[in-house]
N, C-alpha and C. Protein backbone atom coordinates (compact mmCIF):
# COMPACT_ATOMS: atom_id res chain seq x y z
N MET A 1 -6.87 -9.50 -1.29
CA MET A 1 -6.21 -8.55 -1.48
C MET A 1 -5.15 -8.53 -1.93
N ALA A 2 -4.23 -8.51 -2.78
CA ALA A 2 -2.78 -9.16 -3.38
C ALA A 2 -1.95 -7.64 -3.90
N LEU A 3 -0.90 -7.08 -3.55
CA LEU A 3 -0.55 -6.00 -4.14
C LEU A 3 0.33 -6.44 -4.92
N ASP A 4 0.79 -5.83 -6.50
CA ASP A 4 2.11 -5.85 -7.10
C ASP A 4 2.49 -4.56 -7.26
N ILE A 5 3.74 -4.25 -7.12
CA ILE A 5 4.43 -3.01 -6.80
C ILE A 5 4.93 -2.93 -8.53
N ARG A 6 4.89 -2.12 -9.46
CA ARG A 6 5.06 -2.09 -11.04
C ARG A 6 6.22 -0.91 -10.71
N SER A 7 6.17 0.03 -10.29
CA SER A 7 7.36 1.00 -10.61
C SER A 7 7.64 1.95 -9.18
N ILE A 8 8.73 2.34 -8.91
CA ILE A 8 9.24 3.24 -7.97
C ILE A 8 9.81 4.05 -8.35
N ARG A 9 10.17 5.59 -8.71
CA ARG A 9 10.22 6.62 -9.56
C ARG A 9 10.69 7.81 -8.73
N PHE A 10 11.74 8.27 -8.64
CA PHE A 10 12.34 9.20 -8.33
C PHE A 10 12.74 10.53 -8.60
N ALA A 11 11.75 11.58 -8.33
CA ALA A 11 12.06 12.57 -9.02
C ALA A 11 12.62 14.00 -8.43
N PRO A 12 13.00 14.84 -8.69
CA PRO A 12 14.08 15.77 -7.74
C PRO A 12 12.90 16.18 -6.58
N ASP A 13 12.00 16.57 -7.08
CA ASP A 13 10.47 17.32 -5.79
C ASP A 13 9.58 15.71 -5.27
N HIS A 14 9.77 14.35 -6.03
CA HIS A 14 8.76 14.04 -5.50
C HIS A 14 9.26 12.22 -5.61
N VAL A 15 8.78 11.55 -5.13
CA VAL A 15 8.68 9.94 -5.06
C VAL A 15 7.31 9.29 -5.40
N ALA A 16 7.48 8.58 -6.63
CA ALA A 16 6.07 8.00 -7.43
C ALA A 16 6.03 6.44 -7.12
N VAL A 17 5.28 6.09 -6.71
CA VAL A 17 5.02 4.56 -6.64
C VAL A 17 3.77 4.06 -7.78
N GLY A 18 4.07 3.27 -8.30
CA GLY A 18 2.98 2.66 -9.24
C GLY A 18 3.02 1.20 -9.01
N PHE A 19 1.52 0.94 -8.93
CA PHE A 19 0.98 -0.42 -8.18
C PHE A 19 -0.62 -0.77 -8.72
N ALA A 20 -0.85 -1.99 -9.28
CA ALA A 20 -1.94 -2.67 -8.86
C ALA A 20 -2.33 -3.63 -7.45
N ILE A 21 -3.43 -3.39 -7.27
CA ILE A 21 -3.89 -3.85 -5.94
C ILE A 21 -4.84 -4.96 -6.61
N ASN A 22 -5.18 -6.36 -6.16
CA ASN A 22 -6.00 -6.88 -6.97
C ASN A 22 -6.77 -7.54 -5.54
N LEU A 23 -8.36 -6.95 -5.83
CA LEU A 23 -9.41 -7.62 -5.12
C LEU A 23 -10.16 -8.55 -5.38
N VAL A 24 -10.65 -9.56 -4.61
CA VAL A 24 -11.61 -10.69 -5.38
C VAL A 24 -12.32 -11.16 -3.74
N ASN A 25 -13.66 -10.95 -4.27
CA ASN A 25 -14.46 -11.38 -3.24
C ASN A 25 -14.39 -13.39 -3.21
N GLN A 26 -14.18 -13.24 -2.01
CA GLN A 26 -14.16 -14.48 -1.50
C GLN A 26 -15.06 -15.05 -0.51
N GLY A 27 -15.94 -14.33 -0.43
CA GLY A 27 -17.31 -14.65 0.29
C GLY A 27 -18.54 -15.35 -0.10
N THR A 28 -19.73 -15.34 0.31
CA THR A 28 -20.84 -16.20 -0.06
C THR A 28 -21.51 -15.17 -0.69
N VAL A 29 -21.86 -13.89 -0.19
CA VAL A 29 -22.72 -12.61 -1.05
C VAL A 29 -21.62 -11.64 -1.74
N PRO A 30 -22.62 -10.94 -2.42
CA PRO A 30 -21.73 -9.35 -3.21
C PRO A 30 -21.35 -8.29 -2.04
N ALA A 31 -20.18 -8.38 -2.37
CA ALA A 31 -19.51 -7.03 -1.59
C ALA A 31 -20.11 -5.80 -2.05
N THR A 32 -20.97 -4.94 -1.20
CA THR A 32 -21.45 -3.51 -2.10
C THR A 32 -21.34 -2.66 -1.32
N GLY A 33 -20.96 -1.38 -1.77
CA GLY A 33 -20.33 -0.55 -0.89
C GLY A 33 -18.87 -0.31 -0.98
N LEU A 34 -18.38 -1.00 -1.37
CA LEU A 34 -17.03 -0.93 -1.38
C LEU A 34 -16.09 -0.09 -1.95
N MET A 35 -15.27 0.36 -0.97
CA MET A 35 -14.39 1.65 -0.69
C MET A 35 -12.51 1.17 -0.18
N VAL A 36 -11.84 1.98 -1.19
CA VAL A 36 -10.19 1.47 -1.39
C VAL A 36 -9.99 2.71 -0.78
N ARG A 37 -9.30 2.63 0.13
CA ARG A 37 -7.99 4.17 0.87
C ARG A 37 -7.12 3.90 0.75
N LEU A 38 -5.57 4.43 0.68
CA LEU A 38 -4.78 4.00 0.50
C LEU A 38 -3.75 5.18 1.26
N ALA A 39 -2.79 5.24 1.74
CA ALA A 39 -1.89 5.99 2.23
C ALA A 39 -0.40 5.72 2.04
N LEU A 40 0.59 6.72 1.63
CA LEU A 40 1.70 5.99 1.43
C LEU A 40 2.77 7.24 2.38
N ASN A 41 3.66 6.79 3.04
CA ASN A 41 4.89 7.44 4.10
C ASN A 41 6.16 6.86 4.08
N GLN A 42 7.09 7.47 4.74
CA GLN A 42 8.31 6.66 5.09
C GLN A 42 7.62 5.46 6.01
N GLY A 43 8.26 4.85 6.25
CA GLY A 43 8.26 4.07 7.48
C GLY A 43 8.65 4.15 9.03
N SER A 44 9.10 5.35 9.18
CA SER A 44 9.52 5.78 10.31
C SER A 44 8.25 6.56 10.99
N ALA A 45 7.25 6.98 9.72
CA ALA A 45 6.12 8.21 10.13
C ALA A 45 4.69 6.81 9.92
N MET A 46 5.05 6.10 9.97
CA MET A 46 3.57 4.91 9.62
C MET A 46 3.78 3.48 10.69
N PRO A 47 3.79 3.69 12.25
CA PRO A 47 4.35 2.59 12.80
C PRO A 47 3.05 2.12 13.44
N GLU A 48 2.92 1.55 14.48
CA GLU A 48 1.58 0.14 14.46
C GLU A 48 0.50 1.47 14.69
N ALA A 49 0.95 2.23 15.67
CA ALA A 49 -0.26 3.58 16.29
C ALA A 49 -0.52 4.07 15.18
N VAL A 50 0.29 4.76 14.23
CA VAL A 50 -0.59 5.38 12.76
C VAL A 50 -1.48 4.52 11.93
N LEU A 51 -1.13 3.33 11.84
CA LEU A 51 -1.57 2.38 10.88
C LEU A 51 -2.93 2.20 11.70
N SER A 52 -3.22 2.11 12.89
CA SER A 52 -4.59 1.32 13.71
C SER A 52 -5.24 2.87 13.37
N ARG A 53 -4.92 4.14 13.67
CA ARG A 53 -5.75 5.12 13.18
C ARG A 53 -6.03 5.43 11.79
N PHE A 54 -5.34 4.82 10.71
CA PHE A 54 -5.90 4.69 9.47
C PHE A 54 -6.55 3.67 9.13
N PHE A 55 -6.73 2.39 9.75
CA PHE A 55 -7.31 1.54 9.51
C PHE A 55 -8.85 2.18 10.35
N ASP A 56 -8.70 2.78 11.07
CA ASP A 56 -9.96 3.35 11.95
C ASP A 56 -10.50 4.36 10.87
N GLY A 57 -9.79 4.38 10.16
CA GLY A 57 -10.78 5.74 8.89
C GLY A 57 -9.94 7.22 8.66
N ALA A 58 -8.93 7.42 9.86
CA ALA A 58 -8.02 8.64 9.60
C ALA A 58 -7.38 8.87 8.66
N GLY A 59 -7.12 9.92 7.35
CA GLY A 59 -6.64 10.35 6.91
C GLY A 59 -5.94 9.61 5.76
N GLY A 60 -5.27 9.49 5.18
CA GLY A 60 -5.17 8.81 3.20
C GLY A 60 -6.35 9.36 2.54
N SER A 61 -6.20 8.49 1.24
CA SER A 61 -6.86 9.06 0.06
C SER A 61 -7.78 8.13 -0.61
N ILE A 62 -8.96 8.25 -0.45
CA ILE A 62 -9.59 7.51 -1.33
C ILE A 62 -9.58 6.80 -2.79
N LEU A 63 -9.13 5.63 -3.08
CA LEU A 63 -8.48 5.15 -4.63
C LEU A 63 -9.71 4.83 -5.28
N ARG A 64 -10.64 3.95 -4.86
CA ARG A 64 -12.06 3.72 -5.57
C ARG A 64 -13.25 4.01 -4.39
N ASP A 65 -14.10 3.94 -4.69
CA ASP A 65 -15.66 4.23 -3.97
C ASP A 65 -16.95 3.71 -4.41
N ASP A 66 -17.45 3.13 -3.69
CA ASP A 66 -19.09 2.64 -4.20
C ASP A 66 -19.18 1.65 -5.02
N MET A 67 -17.65 0.67 -4.98
CA MET A 67 -17.66 -0.26 -5.81
C MET A 67 -18.69 -1.69 -5.67
N THR A 68 -19.18 -2.59 -6.65
CA THR A 68 -19.58 -3.78 -6.38
C THR A 68 -18.72 -4.85 -6.33
N LEU A 69 -18.63 -5.88 -5.99
CA LEU A 69 -17.96 -7.38 -6.52
C LEU A 69 -18.41 -8.31 -6.27
N ALA A 70 -19.00 -8.58 -6.92
CA ALA A 70 -20.40 -10.38 -6.90
C ALA A 70 -19.04 -11.35 -6.53
N VAL A 71 -19.81 -12.23 -5.82
CA VAL A 71 -19.15 -13.63 -5.43
C VAL A 71 -18.05 -14.11 -6.26
N GLY A 72 -16.80 -14.73 -5.86
CA GLY A 72 -15.51 -15.17 -6.48
C GLY A 72 -15.74 -13.74 -7.55
N VAL A 73 -15.89 -13.23 -7.81
CA VAL A 73 -15.10 -11.74 -9.15
C VAL A 73 -13.95 -11.17 -8.39
N GLY A 74 -13.63 -10.76 -9.36
CA GLY A 74 -12.22 -10.05 -8.93
C GLY A 74 -11.91 -8.43 -10.01
N GLU A 75 -11.09 -7.58 -9.27
CA GLU A 75 -10.96 -6.48 -10.14
C GLU A 75 -9.46 -6.03 -9.14
N GLU A 76 -8.86 -5.61 -10.59
CA GLU A 76 -7.66 -4.86 -10.40
C GLU A 76 -7.85 -3.47 -10.10
N LEU A 77 -7.22 -2.78 -9.77
CA LEU A 77 -6.97 -1.51 -9.49
C LEU A 77 -5.70 -1.14 -9.91
N THR A 78 -5.34 -0.32 -10.72
CA THR A 78 -3.96 0.14 -11.40
C THR A 78 -3.94 1.97 -11.06
N THR A 79 -3.01 2.28 -10.48
CA THR A 79 -2.79 3.73 -10.47
C THR A 79 -1.26 4.17 -9.58
N GLU A 80 -1.09 5.46 -9.42
CA GLU A 80 0.20 5.84 -9.54
C GLU A 80 -0.04 6.82 -7.83
N VAL A 81 0.55 6.81 -6.92
CA VAL A 81 0.64 7.70 -5.97
C VAL A 81 1.77 8.61 -5.54
N MET A 82 1.90 9.31 -5.34
CA MET A 82 3.35 10.05 -5.27
C MET A 82 3.45 10.89 -3.82
N MET A 83 4.70 10.78 -3.41
CA MET A 83 5.17 11.56 -1.90
C MET A 83 6.17 12.29 -2.27
N PRO A 84 5.78 13.70 -1.47
CA PRO A 84 6.85 15.02 -1.90
C PRO A 84 7.96 14.42 -1.17
N ARG A 85 8.97 14.84 -1.99
CA ARG A 85 10.66 14.70 -1.17
C ARG A 85 10.70 15.12 0.24
N ALA A 86 10.25 16.67 -0.28
CA ALA A 86 9.71 17.97 0.97
C ALA A 86 9.74 17.29 2.07
N ALA A 87 9.03 16.23 2.14
CA ALA A 87 8.14 15.35 3.30
C ALA A 87 8.63 14.13 3.99
N ILE A 88 9.79 13.90 3.33
CA ILE A 88 10.96 12.68 3.96
C ILE A 88 12.12 13.31 4.54
N GLU A 89 12.23 12.47 5.33
CA GLU A 89 12.88 12.78 6.62
C GLU A 89 14.19 11.31 6.27
N PRO A 90 15.32 11.90 5.61
CA PRO A 90 16.11 10.47 5.68
C PRO A 90 16.77 9.67 6.71
N LEU A 91 16.38 8.36 6.62
CA LEU A 91 16.96 7.33 7.08
C LEU A 91 18.39 7.20 7.08
N MET A 92 19.49 7.53 7.86
CA MET A 92 21.14 7.23 7.61
C MET A 92 21.13 5.98 7.86
N ILE A 93 21.84 5.36 6.51
CA ILE A 93 22.21 3.87 6.74
C ILE A 93 23.68 4.16 6.26
N GLY A 94 24.41 3.47 6.94
CA GLY A 94 26.10 3.27 6.27
C GLY A 94 26.56 4.98 5.95
N GLY A 95 26.12 5.80 6.49
CA GLY A 95 26.43 7.32 6.30
C GLY A 95 25.53 7.64 4.76
N LYS A 96 24.82 7.03 4.38
CA LYS A 96 23.93 7.70 2.79
C LYS A 96 22.37 7.70 3.68
N PRO A 97 21.71 8.88 2.80
CA PRO A 97 20.65 8.99 3.15
C PRO A 97 19.41 7.93 2.09
N MET A 98 18.70 7.39 3.14
CA MET A 98 18.01 6.33 2.47
C MET A 98 16.48 6.52 2.96
N LEU A 99 15.59 5.94 2.38
CA LEU A 99 14.00 5.76 2.38
C LEU A 99 13.70 4.33 2.53
N VAL A 100 13.06 4.13 3.31
CA VAL A 100 12.03 3.00 3.16
C VAL A 100 10.19 3.41 3.26
N PRO A 101 9.54 2.92 1.72
CA PRO A 101 8.24 3.62 2.14
C PRO A 101 7.68 2.54 2.97
N VAL A 102 6.42 2.86 3.02
CA VAL A 102 5.41 1.97 3.21
C VAL A 102 4.11 2.37 2.74
N ILE A 103 3.07 1.54 2.17
CA ILE A 103 1.81 1.75 1.75
C ILE A 103 1.01 0.72 2.39
N ALA A 104 -0.06 1.56 2.83
CA ALA A 104 -1.17 0.94 3.38
C ALA A 104 -2.73 0.92 2.96
N PHE A 105 -3.21 -0.05 2.86
CA PHE A 105 -4.69 0.12 2.17
C PHE A 105 -6.04 -0.42 3.68
N ASP A 106 -6.82 0.36 2.87
CA ASP A 106 -8.05 0.39 3.80
C ASP A 106 -9.15 -0.21 3.26
N ILE A 107 -9.69 -0.89 2.51
CA ILE A 107 -10.98 -1.78 2.02
C ILE A 107 -12.00 -1.86 3.35
N THR A 108 -13.22 -1.33 3.15
CA THR A 108 -14.27 -1.51 3.74
C THR A 108 -15.58 -1.98 2.77
N TYR A 109 -16.38 -2.79 3.11
CA TYR A 109 -17.08 -3.14 2.31
C TYR A 109 -18.84 -3.70 3.12
N HIS A 110 -20.01 -3.80 2.44
CA HIS A 110 -21.05 -4.24 3.06
C HIS A 110 -21.57 -5.51 2.29
N TRP A 111 -22.56 -5.99 2.64
CA TRP A 111 -23.24 -7.16 2.05
C TRP A 111 -24.78 -7.00 2.72
N ASP A 112 -25.51 -7.72 1.81
CA ASP A 112 -27.08 -7.90 2.63
C ASP A 112 -27.34 -9.22 3.06
N GLY A 113 -27.73 -9.20 4.10
CA GLY A 113 -27.95 -10.26 4.82
C GLY A 113 -27.62 -10.39 6.82
N GLU A 114 -27.51 -11.44 7.15
CA GLU A 114 -27.42 -11.61 8.81
C GLU A 114 -26.14 -11.04 8.90
N GLY A 115 -26.31 -10.33 10.58
CA GLY A 115 -24.99 -10.38 10.94
C GLY A 115 -24.85 -8.82 10.77
N ASP A 116 -23.56 -8.45 11.04
CA ASP A 116 -22.88 -7.00 11.08
C ASP A 116 -23.26 -6.61 9.74
N ALA A 117 -23.03 -7.03 8.33
CA ALA A 117 -23.31 -6.41 7.31
C ALA A 117 -22.23 -5.81 7.05
N PHE A 118 -21.25 -5.71 7.60
CA PHE A 118 -19.85 -4.71 7.43
C PHE A 118 -18.49 -5.52 7.44
N GLY A 119 -17.49 -5.53 6.72
CA GLY A 119 -16.16 -6.09 6.52
C GLY A 119 -15.17 -5.21 6.32
N GLN A 120 -14.01 -5.29 6.80
CA GLN A 120 -12.99 -4.59 6.37
C GLN A 120 -11.46 -5.62 6.62
N ASN A 121 -11.00 -5.08 5.38
CA ASN A 121 -9.66 -5.96 5.06
C ASN A 121 -8.40 -5.00 5.26
N ALA A 122 -7.38 -4.80 5.62
CA ALA A 122 -6.79 -3.90 5.82
C ALA A 122 -5.26 -3.90 5.94
N GLY A 123 -4.36 -3.73 5.50
CA GLY A 123 -2.59 -3.98 5.88
C GLY A 123 -1.85 -2.96 5.30
N SER A 124 -0.72 -3.49 5.49
CA SER A 124 0.71 -2.74 4.78
C SER A 124 1.60 -3.34 4.48
N PHE A 125 2.56 -2.66 3.42
CA PHE A 125 3.75 -3.12 2.73
C PHE A 125 4.91 -2.24 2.96
N VAL A 126 5.70 -2.86 3.16
CA VAL A 126 7.26 -2.14 2.95
C VAL A 126 7.59 -2.46 1.87
N LEU A 127 8.16 -1.26 0.97
CA LEU A 127 8.35 -1.30 -0.28
C LEU A 127 10.10 -1.27 -0.44
N GLY A 128 10.52 -1.81 -1.23
CA GLY A 128 11.92 -1.43 -1.41
C GLY A 128 12.72 -1.84 -2.86
N ARG A 129 13.86 -2.53 -2.61
CA ARG A 129 14.37 -3.14 -4.35
C ARG A 129 14.67 -4.61 -3.48
N GLU A 130 14.39 -5.20 -4.90
CA GLU A 130 14.31 -6.87 -4.42
C GLU A 130 15.92 -7.26 -4.39
N GLN A 131 16.84 -7.85 -3.60
CA GLN A 131 18.00 -8.63 -3.39
C GLN A 131 18.21 -9.12 -4.73
N GLY A 132 17.45 -10.23 -4.12
CA GLY A 132 17.36 -11.56 -5.54
C GLY A 132 16.59 -12.13 -6.32
N ALA A 133 15.88 -13.10 -6.05
CA ALA A 133 14.63 -13.98 -6.81
C ALA A 133 13.41 -13.05 -6.54
N SER A 134 12.81 -12.53 -7.17
CA SER A 134 11.37 -11.68 -6.81
C SER A 134 10.66 -12.75 -5.83
N GLY A 135 10.47 -12.17 -4.60
CA GLY A 135 9.55 -12.32 -3.48
C GLY A 135 10.53 -12.98 -2.33
N SER A 136 11.76 -13.05 -2.56
CA SER A 136 12.74 -14.22 -2.06
C SER A 136 13.75 -12.59 -0.80
N GLY A 137 13.37 -13.11 0.07
CA GLY A 137 14.68 -12.54 1.08
C GLY A 137 14.19 -11.03 1.37
N LYS A 138 14.58 -10.19 2.14
CA LYS A 138 14.60 -9.11 2.36
C LYS A 138 14.89 -7.82 1.15
N LEU A 139 13.97 -6.59 1.56
CA LEU A 139 14.28 -5.75 0.55
C LEU A 139 14.98 -4.96 0.64
N SER A 140 15.75 -4.10 -0.09
CA SER A 140 16.94 -3.19 -0.33
C SER A 140 16.07 -1.72 0.14
N PRO A 141 16.68 -0.59 1.22
CA PRO A 141 16.13 0.71 1.63
C PRO A 141 16.38 1.25 0.05
N LEU A 142 15.65 2.60 -0.01
CA LEU A 142 16.00 3.15 -1.78
C LEU A 142 17.08 4.42 -1.21
N PRO A 143 18.07 4.37 -2.09
CA PRO A 143 18.88 5.58 -1.56
C PRO A 143 18.12 7.11 -2.14
N LEU A 144 18.41 8.19 -1.52
CA LEU A 144 17.90 9.74 -1.66
C LEU A 144 18.75 10.39 -1.83
N ASP A 145 19.84 9.92 -2.27
CA ASP A 145 21.20 10.98 -2.92
C ASP A 145 21.57 10.99 -4.19
N ARG A 146 20.06 10.70 -4.93
CA ARG A 146 20.42 10.88 -6.61
C ARG A 146 19.28 11.73 -7.03
N ALA A 147 18.86 12.56 -7.62
CA ALA A 147 18.23 13.68 -7.69
C ALA A 147 17.15 13.02 -8.83
N SER A 148 17.00 12.24 -9.41
CA SER A 148 16.36 11.17 -10.16
C SER A 148 16.94 9.94 -11.00
N TYR A 149 15.70 8.70 -10.45
CA TYR A 149 16.28 7.56 -11.28
C TYR A 149 14.48 6.41 -10.95
N GLU A 150 15.01 5.30 -11.53
CA GLU A 150 13.70 4.34 -11.68
C GLU A 150 14.35 3.28 -10.62
N VAL A 151 13.90 3.07 -9.74
CA VAL A 151 14.24 1.34 -9.15
C VAL A 151 14.03 0.31 -9.82
N ASP A 152 15.26 -0.36 -10.41
CA ASP A 152 14.72 -1.41 -10.54
C ASP A 152 14.80 -2.70 -9.80
N ARG A 153 13.78 -3.46 -10.42
CA ARG A 153 13.13 -5.21 -9.16
C ARG A 153 12.99 -4.48 -8.40
N PRO A 154 11.32 -3.51 -8.46
CA PRO A 154 10.64 -2.98 -6.99
C PRO A 154 9.97 -4.24 -6.46
N GLY A 155 9.67 -3.64 -5.27
CA GLY A 155 9.03 -5.27 -5.08
C GLY A 155 8.29 -4.86 -3.26
N ALA A 156 7.64 -5.46 -3.01
CA ALA A 156 7.21 -5.19 -1.12
C ALA A 156 7.08 -6.47 -0.92
N ARG A 157 6.69 -6.06 0.59
CA ARG A 157 6.22 -6.94 1.55
C ARG A 157 5.24 -7.01 2.61
N SER A 158 4.30 -7.93 3.07
CA SER A 158 3.58 -7.44 3.83
C SER A 158 4.20 -7.73 4.85
N THR A 159 3.42 -6.72 6.36
CA THR A 159 3.69 -6.36 7.18
C THR A 159 3.10 -6.98 8.57
N ALA A 160 3.43 -7.49 9.68
CA ALA A 160 2.45 -7.98 9.74
C ALA A 160 1.23 -7.35 10.77
N ILE A 161 1.13 -5.54 10.46
CA ILE A 161 0.00 -4.58 10.54
C ILE A 161 -0.74 -4.79 10.17
N LYS A 162 -1.79 -5.42 10.19
CA LYS A 162 -3.19 -5.53 9.25
C LYS A 162 -4.36 -5.79 10.47
N ARG A 163 -5.49 -5.85 9.54
CA ARG A 163 -6.87 -5.82 10.11
C ARG A 163 -8.06 -6.39 8.93
N SER A 164 -8.54 -7.55 9.81
CA SER A 164 -9.75 -7.78 8.68
C SER A 164 -10.39 -8.54 10.03
N GLN A 165 -11.99 -8.01 9.14
CA GLN A 165 -13.23 -8.28 10.12
C GLN A 165 -14.32 -8.32 9.49
């Protein structure tokens, strides 16, 4: 699972995140019944306990269901998700209202063969604005004091909160 944040746009009533998630079957048998769920919220609303419940199947939205990936095959899923501004509790940094979004993915699948025949790959990513060259250093939080704008150099960093089985 690899995430590419393509855009973060602020409108007066919502924040929209455009992304592509790339999935590849690195196993030795086809993955069937593959389901991709996602959740987008602010970081303070997604502590480890909430993410653990999401990874257990609580909340979120289904992005794609009943996919099949052959061995060595990948697929890119591209979409945009939105978060209502009314649901955002601003994080005050330097006296300014800011947002640190977090997006989480839970990918479950099955296979024919021995063993449990169930797998999961789940993870979460902090979103923000790249400060320097893409992928280096920390991300900047996003200002909430403007009604509408698009973030230049949107980026994501994987967090330590993940699950693989």
